[in-house]
Amino acid sequence: MDMIGFLGLGTMGGPMARNILRKGYRVKGFDLNPAAMEAHVAAGGEAATSLAGLAEGCDVVVTMLPDGPDVERAVLGEGGLAHAMRPGTVLIDMSTIDPAVTRRVGQALADKGIAMVDSPVGKTQDHAIAGTLTLMVGGDPAVVERVRPILDCMGSDFFYCGGLGMGEALKLTNNFLAATILSATSEALVMGTKAGLSLELMTEVMRTTMAWNNQFAVALPKKGLAGDFSPGFMVKLGEKDQRLAIGMAKALGVETPVGAAAHAVLAEAKTTGFADLDVTSVLRLREEQAGVTVRAKKGV
């Protein structure tokens, strides 16, 4: 496994590929964005000029793409990875997609003698840079163990979730809850501010109650509450993940009215100018509607 192919060198994929490079592997990358390709080569990576060229000579190919249709096109479409990968090689898909798509792609690859592992990631771009992502992994245990050294280059928390698609199932469950908590927390803080409460007082009190959560403790202070809405995890991706999670729940016969409300919030943010900004822009959306700004006092 000297040469690793890596498709998708964006906000998360770029740093992830560089961490594989730092561990001594050769990494051949491909991305439609020339700037992403330039950054990969500048870090010591090699450049492929096509999907077929990416797969050539690689025992393992990693994909980090926005959505399920992107994965299907890149892997199974005309000129896709599946047509160039050799029997006995492995595809690691680290995108966040519908588990049904994962299993469909996995079966098509298995018919060609190619194994597949799904390993969507948790945490943020900072963790991608540091190589401390959370990895939620699904697939045949023997195949997972074979590619574990590569996965360990990118993450510090490794969770084997079961067969192919189970990593995606856990990732969607995780993001479903995170987005729902973010939406409720943002609305609560805007409501309290509009009522005349300070952020400092709300923080002090809620830290002692069941209202406390990591969106309030970590994500919002770093981004939205600091007035920084530059994309870490974009609204349009959060909306996509929530939609997929609700679809998974529906297929399982699970009702999700609270999660559906959170999806509506993300969809509203997506269609009102925040699609490419950080997911904490749901706070900004409610701030603008209420005519208030939730910020810490200077010097506090």
Protein backbone atom coordinates (compact mmCIF):
# COMPACT_ATOMS: atom_id res chain seq x y z
CA MET A 1 0.00 0.00 0.00
CA ASP A 2 2.78 2.42 -0.93
CA MET A 3 0.59 4.47 -3.28
CA ILE A 4 -2.81 5.74 -2.11
CA GLY A 5 -5.28 7.41 -4.43
CA PHE A 6 -7.30 10.28 -2.93
CA LEU A 7 -10.34 11.79 -4.67
CA GLY A 8 -11.72 15.03 -3.23
CA LEU A 9 -9.08 17.44 -1.89
CA GLY A 10 -11.42 20.08 -0.48
CA THR A 11 -11.94 21.54 2.99
CA MET A 12 -11.69 18.16 4.72
CA GLY A 13 -10.14 15.93 2.07
CA GLY A 14 -7.11 18.13 1.44
CA PRO A 15 -5.83 18.01 5.04
CA MET A 16 -6.71 14.33 5.30
CA ALA A 17 -4.61 13.52 2.24
CA ARG A 18 -1.72 15.56 3.62
CA ASN A 19 -1.80 13.58 6.85
CA ILE A 20 -1.47 10.35 4.88
CA LEU A 21 1.51 11.92 3.11
CA ARG A 22 3.11 12.83 6.45
CA LYS A 23 2.99 9.18 7.50
CA GLY A 24 5.24 8.22 4.62
CA TYR A 25 2.76 7.06 1.99
CA ARG A 26 2.77 8.30 -1.57
CA VAL A 27 -0.59 9.94 -2.28
CA LYS A 28 -1.88 10.54 -5.77
CA GLY A 29 -4.71 13.07 -5.68
CA PHE A 30 -7.48 14.25 -7.97
CA ASP A 31 -9.88 17.16 -7.63
CA LEU A 32 -11.76 19.31 -10.13
CA ASN A 33 -10.55 22.44 -8.30
CA PRO A 34 -7.11 23.45 -9.66
CA ALA A 35 -6.23 25.27 -6.42
CA ALA A 36 -6.85 22.09 -4.42
CA MET A 37 -4.62 20.15 -6.79
CA GLU A 38 -1.88 22.76 -6.52
CA ALA A 39 -1.99 22.62 -2.72
CA HIS A 40 -1.77 18.82 -2.81
CA VAL A 41 1.28 18.85 -5.09
CA ALA A 42 2.91 21.61 -3.02
CA ALA A 43 2.57 19.35 0.03
CA GLY A 44 4.43 16.56 -1.73
CA GLY A 45 1.55 14.70 -3.32
CA GLU A 46 1.30 13.47 -6.88
CA ALA A 47 -1.36 14.61 -9.34
CA ALA A 48 -3.69 12.46 -11.40
CA THR A 49 -5.38 13.91 -14.47
CA SER A 50 -8.39 11.58 -14.51
CA LEU A 51 -10.27 9.09 -12.38
CA ALA A 52 -8.70 6.22 -14.28
CA GLY A 53 -5.28 7.76 -13.74
CA LEU A 54 -6.02 8.12 -10.04
CA ALA A 55 -6.80 4.42 -9.65
CA GLU A 56 -3.84 3.22 -11.71
CA GLY A 57 -1.16 1.63 -9.54
CA CYS A 58 -3.08 2.11 -6.28
CA ASP A 59 -4.04 -0.69 -3.91
CA VAL A 60 -6.33 1.68 -2.01
CA VAL A 61 -8.38 4.65 -3.24
CA VAL A 62 -10.00 7.07 -0.79
CA THR A 63 -13.01 9.17 -1.77
CA MET A 64 -14.18 12.29 0.10
CA LEU A 65 -17.09 13.74 -1.88
CA PRO A 66 -20.16 15.91 -1.12
CA ASP A 67 -23.04 13.46 -1.69
CA GLY A 68 -24.14 10.01 -2.79
CA PRO A 69 -24.70 10.85 -6.47
CA ASP A 70 -21.15 12.21 -6.61
CA VAL A 71 -19.81 8.94 -5.22
CA GLU A 72 -21.86 6.83 -7.63
CA ARG A 73 -20.73 8.86 -10.64
CA ALA A 74 -17.09 8.88 -9.59
CA VAL A 75 -16.99 5.16 -8.86
CA LEU A 76 -19.48 3.55 -11.23
CA GLY A 77 -20.01 6.16 -13.94
CA GLU A 78 -18.37 6.28 -17.35
CA GLY A 79 -14.62 6.42 -16.85
CA GLY A 80 -15.13 5.93 -13.12
CA LEU A 81 -12.83 4.37 -10.57
CA ALA A 82 -14.44 0.93 -10.74
CA HIS A 83 -13.35 0.54 -14.35
CA ALA A 84 -9.70 1.16 -13.50
CA MET A 85 -9.28 -0.44 -10.07
CA ARG A 86 -7.82 -3.93 -10.04
CA PRO A 87 -9.40 -6.95 -8.32
CA GLY A 88 -8.11 -7.17 -4.77
CA THR A 89 -7.93 -3.41 -4.29
CA VAL A 90 -9.98 -1.42 -1.76
CA LEU A 91 -12.14 1.68 -1.97
CA ILE A 92 -12.51 3.68 1.27
CA ASP A 93 -15.41 6.10 0.98
CA MET A 94 -15.20 8.80 3.66
CA SER A 95 -18.07 10.88 2.30
CA THR A 96 -21.30 11.28 4.26
CA ILE A 97 -23.99 9.62 2.13
CA ASP A 98 -27.07 7.43 2.27
CA PRO A 99 -26.12 3.94 3.56
CA ALA A 100 -28.25 2.44 0.78
CA VAL A 101 -25.98 4.13 -1.79
CA THR A 102 -22.91 2.80 0.03
CA ARG A 103 -24.23 -0.74 -0.13
CA ARG A 104 -25.24 -0.40 -3.78
CA VAL A 105 -21.78 0.85 -4.76
CA GLY A 106 -20.19 -1.80 -2.56
CA GLN A 107 -22.08 -4.59 -4.29
CA ALA A 108 -21.14 -3.31 -7.73
CA LEU A 109 -17.49 -3.23 -6.67
CA ALA A 110 -17.68 -6.69 -5.09
CA ASP A 111 -18.89 -8.04 -8.44
CA LYS A 112 -15.53 -6.85 -9.84
CA GLY A 113 -13.50 -8.30 -6.97
CA ILE A 114 -12.96 -4.89 -5.34
CA ALA A 115 -13.61 -4.44 -1.60
CA MET A 116 -15.20 -1.36 -0.03
CA VAL A 117 -15.08 0.24 3.40
CA ASP A 118 -17.18 3.23 4.50
CA SER A 119 -15.57 5.59 7.00
CA PRO A 120 -17.36 8.93 7.32
CA VAL A 121 -15.70 11.33 9.73
CA GLY A 122 -16.75 13.46 12.67
CA LYS A 123 -15.40 16.75 14.05
CA THR A 124 -14.17 19.79 12.14
CA GLN A 125 -11.63 21.03 9.62
CA ASP A 126 -9.24 21.81 12.48
CA HIS A 127 -9.35 18.14 13.45
CA ALA A 128 -8.82 17.13 9.81
CA ILE A 129 -5.69 19.28 9.80
CA ALA A 130 -4.49 17.82 13.11
CA GLY A 131 -5.28 14.23 12.10
CA THR A 132 -7.64 13.79 15.07
CA LEU A 133 -10.94 13.09 13.31
CA THR A 134 -13.51 10.62 14.60
CA LEU A 135 -13.77 7.67 12.20
CA MET A 136 -17.02 5.68 11.99
CA VAL A 137 -16.13 2.56 10.01
CA GLY A 138 -18.19 -0.10 8.29
CA GLY A 139 -17.18 -3.09 6.20
CA ASP A 140 -15.76 -6.58 6.33
CA PRO A 141 -13.58 -6.76 9.49
CA ALA A 142 -10.64 -8.26 7.62
CA VAL A 143 -10.71 -5.51 4.99
CA VAL A 144 -11.08 -2.83 7.66
CA GLU A 145 -8.05 -4.21 9.48
CA ARG A 146 -6.10 -4.19 6.24
CA VAL A 147 -6.68 -0.47 5.67
CA ARG A 148 -6.61 0.53 9.35
CA PRO A 149 -3.07 1.99 9.10
CA ILE A 150 -4.30 4.43 6.45
CA LEU A 151 -7.36 5.40 8.48
CA ASP A 152 -5.21 5.94 11.56
CA CYS A 153 -3.26 8.61 9.62
CA MET A 154 -6.41 10.75 9.61
CA GLY A 155 -8.17 10.10 12.90
CA SER A 156 -7.57 9.57 16.59
CA ASP A 157 -10.94 8.05 17.52
CA PHE A 158 -11.76 4.83 15.66
CA PHE A 159 -15.14 3.09 15.94
CA TYR A 160 -15.96 -0.11 14.07
CA CYS A 161 -19.72 0.04 13.50
CA GLY A 162 -20.47 -3.23 11.68
CA GLY A 163 -20.99 -4.24 8.07
CA LEU A 164 -20.78 -2.00 5.03
CA GLY A 165 -22.97 1.08 5.43
CA MET A 166 -23.05 1.02 9.22
CA GLY A 167 -20.44 3.78 9.46
CA GLU A 168 -22.79 5.95 7.40
CA ALA A 169 -25.72 4.99 9.61
CA LEU A 170 -23.89 6.18 12.71
CA LYS A 171 -22.62 9.35 11.01
CA LEU A 172 -26.14 10.35 9.96
CA THR A 173 -27.46 9.59 13.44
CA ASN A 174 -24.71 11.73 14.95
CA ASN A 175 -25.23 14.67 12.59
CA PHE A 176 -28.99 14.46 13.00
CA LEU A 177 -28.63 15.07 16.73
CA ALA A 178 -25.90 17.71 16.37
CA ALA A 179 -27.94 19.77 13.88
CA THR A 180 -31.06 19.54 16.01
CA ILE A 181 -29.18 20.72 19.10
CA LEU A 182 -27.55 23.56 17.15
CA SER A 183 -30.87 24.86 15.86
CA ALA A 184 -32.50 24.81 19.30
CA THR A 185 -29.46 26.36 21.01
CA SER A 186 -29.27 29.19 18.47
CA GLU A 187 -32.95 30.02 18.87
CA ALA A 188 -32.70 29.94 22.68
CA LEU A 189 -29.73 32.33 22.73
CA VAL A 190 -31.42 34.78 20.37
CA MET A 191 -34.61 34.60 22.44
CA GLY A 192 -32.71 35.25 25.67
CA THR A 193 -30.77 38.15 24.14
CA LYS A 194 -33.99 39.71 22.83
CA ALA A 195 -35.42 39.40 26.35
CA GLY A 196 -32.48 41.37 27.73
CA LEU A 197 -30.26 38.57 29.05
CA SER A 198 -26.51 38.65 28.50
CA LEU A 199 -24.67 35.80 26.84
CA GLU A 200 -22.42 35.60 29.89
CA LEU A 201 -25.37 35.07 32.26
CA MET A 202 -27.04 32.52 29.98
CA THR A 203 -23.75 30.64 29.71
CA GLU A 204 -23.16 30.68 33.46
CA VAL A 205 -26.64 29.36 34.23
CA MET A 206 -26.99 26.83 31.42
CA ARG A 207 -23.62 25.33 32.23
CA THR A 208 -25.19 24.12 35.49
CA THR A 209 -28.33 22.63 33.90
CA MET A 210 -29.43 20.01 31.39
CA ALA A 211 -29.39 22.70 28.69
CA TRP A 212 -25.59 22.51 28.39
CA ASN A 213 -24.24 20.93 25.20
CA ASN A 214 -21.17 20.92 22.96
CA GLN A 215 -22.76 23.17 20.35
CA PHE A 216 -23.02 25.82 23.08
CA ALA A 217 -19.69 24.92 24.69
CA VAL A 218 -17.50 24.43 21.59
CA ALA A 219 -18.97 25.05 18.13
CA LEU A 220 -20.86 28.30 18.67
CA PRO A 221 -18.17 30.12 20.72
CA LYS A 222 -15.56 29.29 18.09
CA LYS A 223 -17.67 30.31 15.10
CA GLY A 224 -21.09 31.97 15.31
CA LEU A 225 -20.74 33.62 18.71
CA ALA A 226 -17.36 35.01 17.60
CA GLY A 227 -18.98 36.50 14.50
CA ASP A 228 -17.03 34.10 12.27
CA PHE A 229 -19.28 32.42 9.73
CA SER A 230 -16.54 31.37 7.32
CA PRO A 231 -17.16 27.79 6.26
CA GLY A 232 -15.91 25.02 8.48
CA PHE A 233 -18.89 22.75 7.90
CA MET A 234 -21.17 24.42 5.36
CA VAL A 235 -24.91 24.93 5.80
CA LYS A 236 -25.65 23.13 2.53
CA LEU A 237 -23.82 20.03 3.76
CA GLY A 238 -25.60 20.16 7.12
CA GLU A 239 -28.93 20.38 5.30
CA LYS A 240 -27.98 17.43 3.12
CA ASP A 241 -26.98 15.30 6.11
CA GLN A 242 -30.20 16.12 7.98
CA ARG A 243 -32.25 15.26 4.90
CA LEU A 244 -30.45 11.93 4.53
CA ALA A 245 -30.87 11.13 8.22
CA ILE A 246 -34.60 11.79 8.05
CA GLY A 247 -34.80 9.61 4.94
CA MET A 248 -33.00 6.82 6.78
CA ALA A 249 -35.36 7.17 9.73
CA LYS A 250 -38.40 7.05 7.45
CA ALA A 251 -37.12 3.86 5.81
CA LEU A 252 -36.77 2.37 9.29
CA GLY A 253 -40.25 3.45 10.37
CA VAL A 254 -38.97 5.99 12.91
CA GLU A 255 -40.82 9.32 13.32
CA THR A 256 -38.60 12.42 13.53
CA PRO A 257 -40.73 15.57 13.99
CA VAL A 258 -38.07 17.44 15.98
CA GLY A 259 -35.36 16.55 13.49
CA ALA A 260 -37.67 17.58 10.65
CA ALA A 261 -38.02 21.01 12.26
CA ALA A 262 -34.23 21.31 12.45
CA HIS A 263 -34.04 20.34 8.78
CA ALA A 264 -36.47 23.13 7.96
CA VAL A 265 -34.16 25.58 9.77
CA LEU A 266 -31.14 24.43 7.74
CA ALA A 267 -33.16 24.53 4.51
CA GLU A 268 -34.23 28.09 5.35
CA ALA A 269 -30.63 29.12 5.98
CA LYS A 270 -29.54 27.42 2.76
CA THR A 271 -32.06 29.30 0.63
CA THR A 272 -31.55 32.72 2.25
CA GLY A 273 -27.91 33.28 1.42
CA PHE A 274 -26.06 31.12 3.94
CA ALA A 275 -25.58 27.91 1.90
CA ASP A 276 -21.80 28.20 1.61
CA LEU A 277 -21.22 29.63 5.09
CA ASP A 278 -20.65 27.77 8.34
CA VAL A 279 -23.54 25.77 9.75
CA THR A 280 -23.57 28.08 12.79
CA SER A 281 -25.12 30.59 10.39
CA VAL A 282 -28.45 29.33 11.72
CA LEU A 283 -27.64 31.64 14.66
CA ARG A 284 -27.07 34.55 12.28
CA LEU A 285 -30.34 33.81 10.50
CA ARG A 286 -32.30 34.10 13.74
CA GLU A 287 -30.27 37.15 14.83
CA GLU A 288 -31.17 39.01 11.67
CA GLN A 289 -34.82 38.09 11.97
CA ALA A 290 -34.97 39.20 15.61
CA GLY A 291 -32.85 42.32 15.13
CA VAL A 292 -30.31 41.38 17.82
CA THR A 293 -26.73 40.10 17.95
CA VAL A 294 -25.62 37.48 20.47
CA ARG A 295 -21.99 38.22 21.34
CA ALA A 296 -19.77 38.17 24.41
CA LYS A 297 -18.95 41.50 25.98
CA LYS A 298 -15.51 42.85 25.07
CA GLY A 299 -12.89 41.76 27.52
CA VAL A 300 -14.97 38.87 28.86
